[in-house]
């Protein structure tokens, strides 16, 4: 029997955001602003 740890998708996304370079992070934010009508700039 072995134990495996699985990261939740939200946690994986959070880790990716924290590790992203500034330009990549800005691109991610811009993309989310276009996709999600609830977000405002």
PDB file of N, CA and C in Angstrom:
ATOM      1  N   UNK A   1       0.850  -1.185   0.000  1.00  0.00           N
ATOM      2  CA  UNK A   1       0.000   0.000   0.000  1.00  0.00           C
ATOM      3  C   UNK A   1       0.892   1.243   0.000  1.00  0.00           C
ATOM      4  N   UNK A   2       0.590   2.175  -0.875  1.00  0.00           N
ATOM      5  CA  UNK A   2       1.390   3.398  -0.927  1.00  0.00           C
ATOM      6  C   UNK A   2       0.487   4.613  -0.804  1.00  0.00           C
ATOM      7  N   UNK A   3       1.057   5.675  -0.302  1.00  0.00           N
ATOM      8  CA  UNK A   3       0.320   6.930  -0.164  1.00  0.00           C
ATOM      9  C   UNK A   3       0.809   7.898  -1.231  1.00  0.00           C
ATOM     10  N   UNK A   4      -0.123   8.504  -1.928  1.00  0.00           N
ATOM     11  CA  UNK A   4       0.212   9.500  -2.935  1.00  0.00           C
ATOM     12  C   UNK A   4      -0.450  10.811  -2.563  1.00  0.00           C
ATOM     13  N   UNK A   5       0.295  11.888  -2.717  1.00  0.00           N
ATOM     14  CA  UNK A   5      -0.281  13.204  -2.489  1.00  0.00           C
ATOM     15  C   UNK A   5      -0.670  13.791  -3.837  1.00  0.00           C
ATOM     16  N   UNK A   6      -1.868  14.334  -3.888  1.00  0.00           N
ATOM     17  CA  UNK A   6      -2.360  14.953  -5.114  1.00  0.00           C
ATOM     18  C   UNK A   6      -2.713  16.398  -4.791  1.00  0.00           C
ATOM     19  N   UNK A   7      -2.190  17.319  -5.597  1.00  0.00           N
ATOM     20  CA  UNK A   7      -2.505  18.731  -5.395  1.00  0.00           C
ATOM     21  C   UNK A   7      -3.831  19.060  -6.067  1.00  0.00           C
ATOM     22  N   UNK A   8      -4.658  19.788  -5.357  1.00  0.00           N
ATOM     23  CA  UNK A   8      -5.926  20.232  -5.920  1.00  0.00           C
ATOM     24  C   UNK A   8      -5.639  21.175  -7.094  1.00  0.00           C
ATOM     25  N   UNK A   9      -6.516  21.182  -8.097  1.00  0.00           N
ATOM     26  CA  UNK A   9      -6.296  22.062  -9.257  1.00  0.00           C
ATOM     27  C   UNK A   9      -6.099  23.532  -8.877  1.00  0.00           C
ATOM     28  N   UNK A  10      -6.862  24.027  -7.893  1.00  0.00           N
ATOM     29  CA  UNK A  10      -6.704  25.426  -7.482  1.00  0.00           C
ATOM     30  C   UNK A  10      -5.327  25.670  -6.875  1.00  0.00           C
ATOM     31  N   UNK A  11      -4.831  24.701  -6.116  1.00  0.00           N
ATOM     32  CA  UNK A  11      -3.503  24.837  -5.521  1.00  0.00           C
ATOM     33  C   UNK A  11      -2.429  24.806  -6.600  1.00  0.00           C
ATOM     34  N   UNK A  12      -2.603  23.951  -7.600  1.00  0.00           N
ATOM     35  CA  UNK A  12      -1.654  23.900  -8.715  1.00  0.00           C
ATOM     36  C   UNK A  12      -1.627  25.242  -9.439  1.00  0.00           C
ATOM     37  N   UNK A  13      -2.804  25.828  -9.675  1.00  0.00           N
ATOM     38  CA  UNK A  13      -2.877  27.120 -10.350  1.00  0.00           C
ATOM     39  C   UNK A  13      -2.204  28.198  -9.505  1.00  0.00           C
ATOM     40  N   UNK A  14      -2.437  28.171  -8.206  1.00  0.00           N
ATOM     41  CA  UNK A  14      -1.819  29.154  -7.314  1.00  0.00           C
ATOM     42  C   UNK A  14      -0.296  29.056  -7.360  1.00  0.00           C
ATOM     43  N   UNK A  15       0.220  27.842  -7.334  1.00  0.00           N
ATOM     44  CA  UNK A  15       1.670  27.657  -7.394  1.00  0.00           C
ATOM     45  C   UNK A  15       2.235  28.148  -8.725  1.00  0.00           C
ATOM     46  N   UNK A  16       1.518  27.906  -9.813  1.00  0.00           N
ATOM     47  CA  UNK A  16       1.965  28.391 -11.125  1.00  0.00           C
ATOM     48  C   UNK A  16       1.999  29.912 -11.159  1.00  0.00           C
ATOM     49  N   UNK A  17       0.990  30.555 -10.576  1.00  0.00           N
ATOM     50  CA  UNK A  17       0.946  32.016 -10.552  1.00  0.00           C
ATOM     51  C   UNK A  17       2.096  32.583  -9.729  1.00  0.00           C
ATOM     52  N   UNK A  18       2.386  31.962  -8.604  1.00  0.00           N
ATOM     53  CA  UNK A  18       3.460  32.450  -7.738  1.00  0.00           C
ATOM     54  C   UNK A  18       4.832  32.305  -8.389  1.00  0.00           C
ATOM     55  N   UNK A  19       4.990  31.323  -9.261  1.00  0.00           N
ATOM     56  CA  UNK A  19       6.283  31.063  -9.888  1.00  0.00           C
ATOM     57  C   UNK A  19       6.434  31.757 -11.246  1.00  0.00           C
ATOM     58  N   UNK A  20       5.380  32.361 -11.739  1.00  0.00           N
ATOM     59  CA  UNK A  20       5.406  32.932 -13.087  1.00  0.00           C
ATOM     60  C   UNK A  20       6.227  34.225 -13.129  1.00  0.00           C
ATOM     61  N   UNK A  21       6.977  34.427 -14.212  1.00  0.00           N
ATOM     62  CA  UNK A  21       7.661  35.707 -14.415  1.00  0.00           C
ATOM     63  C   UNK A  21       6.631  36.819 -14.617  1.00  0.00           C
ATOM     64  N   UNK A  22       7.050  38.052 -14.429  1.00  0.00           N
ATOM     65  CA  UNK A  22       6.137  39.195 -14.472  1.00  0.00           C
ATOM     66  C   UNK A  22       5.362  39.294 -15.790  1.00  0.00           C
ATOM     67  N   UNK A  23       6.048  39.165 -16.914  1.00  0.00           N
ATOM     68  CA  UNK A  23       5.365  39.290 -18.207  1.00  0.00           C
ATOM     69  C   UNK A  23       4.345  38.178 -18.405  1.00  0.00           C
ATOM     70  N   UNK A  24       4.707  36.977 -17.995  1.00  0.00           N
ATOM     71  CA  UNK A  24       3.780  35.846 -18.121  1.00  0.00           C
ATOM     72  C   UNK A  24       2.574  36.047 -17.202  1.00  0.00           C
ATOM     73  N   UNK A  25       2.826  36.562 -16.002  1.00  0.00           N
ATOM     74  CA  UNK A  25       1.745  36.828 -15.055  1.00  0.00           C
ATOM     75  C   UNK A  25       0.787  37.875 -15.618  1.00  0.00           C
ATOM     76  N   UNK A  26       1.331  38.934 -16.224  1.00  0.00           N
ATOM     77  CA  UNK A  26       0.480  39.961 -16.826  1.00  0.00           C
ATOM     78  C   UNK A  26      -0.365  39.372 -17.947  1.00  0.00           C
ATOM     79  N   UNK A  27       0.221  38.500 -18.749  1.00  0.00           N
ATOM     80  CA  UNK A  27      -0.520  37.854 -19.832  1.00  0.00           C
ATOM     81  C   UNK A  27      -1.650  36.995 -19.274  1.00  0.00           C
ATOM     82  N   UNK A  28      -1.385  36.276 -18.174  1.00  0.00           N
ATOM     83  CA  UNK A  28      -2.432  35.455 -17.545  1.00  0.00           C
ATOM     84  C   UNK A  28      -3.581  36.330 -17.046  1.00  0.00           C
ATOM     85  N   UNK A  29      -3.233  37.444 -16.413  1.00  0.00           N
ATOM     86  CA  UNK A  29      -4.256  38.358 -15.889  1.00  0.00           C
ATOM     87  C   UNK A  29      -5.071  38.945 -17.033  1.00  0.00           C
ATOM     88  N   UNK A  30      -4.390  39.395 -18.089  1.00  0.00           N
ATOM     89  CA  UNK A  30      -5.099  39.954 -19.248  1.00  0.00           C
ATOM     90  C   UNK A  30      -6.056  38.935 -19.857  1.00  0.00           C
ATOM     91  N   UNK A  31      -5.616  37.686 -19.940  1.00  0.00           N
ATOM     92  CA  UNK A  31      -6.464  36.632 -20.498  1.00  0.00           C
ATOM     93  C   UNK A  31      -7.697  36.413 -19.620  1.00  0.00           C
ATOM     94  N   UNK A  32      -7.507  36.370 -18.310  1.00  0.00           N
ATOM     95  CA  UNK A  32      -8.640  36.171 -17.399  1.00  0.00           C
ATOM     96  C   UNK A  32      -9.612  37.344 -17.466  1.00  0.00           C
ATOM     97  N   UNK A  33      -9.084  38.565 -17.631  1.00  0.00           N
ATOM     98  CA  UNK A  33      -9.950  39.740 -17.745  1.00  0.00           C
ATOM     99  C   UNK A  33     -10.835  39.643 -18.988  1.00  0.00           C
ATOM    100  N   UNK A  34     -10.301  39.066 -20.066  1.00  0.00           N
ATOM    101  CA  UNK A  34     -11.082  38.914 -21.292  1.00  0.00           C
ATOM    102  C   UNK A  34     -12.109  37.800 -21.171  1.00  0.00           C
ATOM    103  N   UNK A  35     -11.748  36.727 -20.473  1.00  0.00           N
ATOM    104  CA  UNK A  35     -12.617  35.554 -20.368  1.00  0.00           C
ATOM    105  C   UNK A  35     -13.739  35.752 -19.359  1.00  0.00           C
ATOM    106  N   UNK A  36     -13.409  36.353 -18.218  1.00  0.00           N
ATOM    107  CA  UNK A  36     -14.351  36.435 -17.102  1.00  0.00           C
ATOM    108  C   UNK A  36     -15.004  37.812 -17.055  1.00  0.00           C
ATOM    109  N   UNK A  37     -16.300  37.910 -17.360  1.00  0.00           N
ATOM    110  CA  UNK A  37     -16.979  39.205 -17.392  1.00  0.00           C
ATOM    111  C   UNK A  37     -17.142  39.842 -16.010  1.00  0.00           C
ATOM    112  N   UNK A  38     -16.960  39.084 -14.950  1.00  0.00           N
ATOM    113  CA  UNK A  38     -17.122  39.622 -13.596  1.00  0.00           C
ATOM    114  C   UNK A  38     -15.897  40.434 -13.174  1.00  0.00           C
ATOM    115  N   UNK A  39     -14.738  40.100 -13.729  1.00  0.00           N
ATOM    116  CA  UNK A  39     -13.508  40.803 -13.369  1.00  0.00           C
ATOM    117  C   UNK A  39     -13.441  42.157 -14.056  1.00  0.00           C
ATOM    118  N   UNK A  40     -12.912  43.142 -13.325  1.00  0.00           N
ATOM    119  CA  UNK A  40     -12.710  44.472 -13.890  1.00  0.00           C
ATOM    120  C   UNK A  40     -11.252  44.847 -13.748  1.00  0.00           C
ATOM    121  N   UNK A  41     -10.776  45.657 -14.675  1.00  0.00           N
ATOM    122  CA  UNK A  41      -9.381  46.078 -14.638  1.00  0.00           C
ATOM    123  C   UNK A  41      -9.190  47.181 -13.641  1.00  0.00           C
TER     124      UNK A  41
END
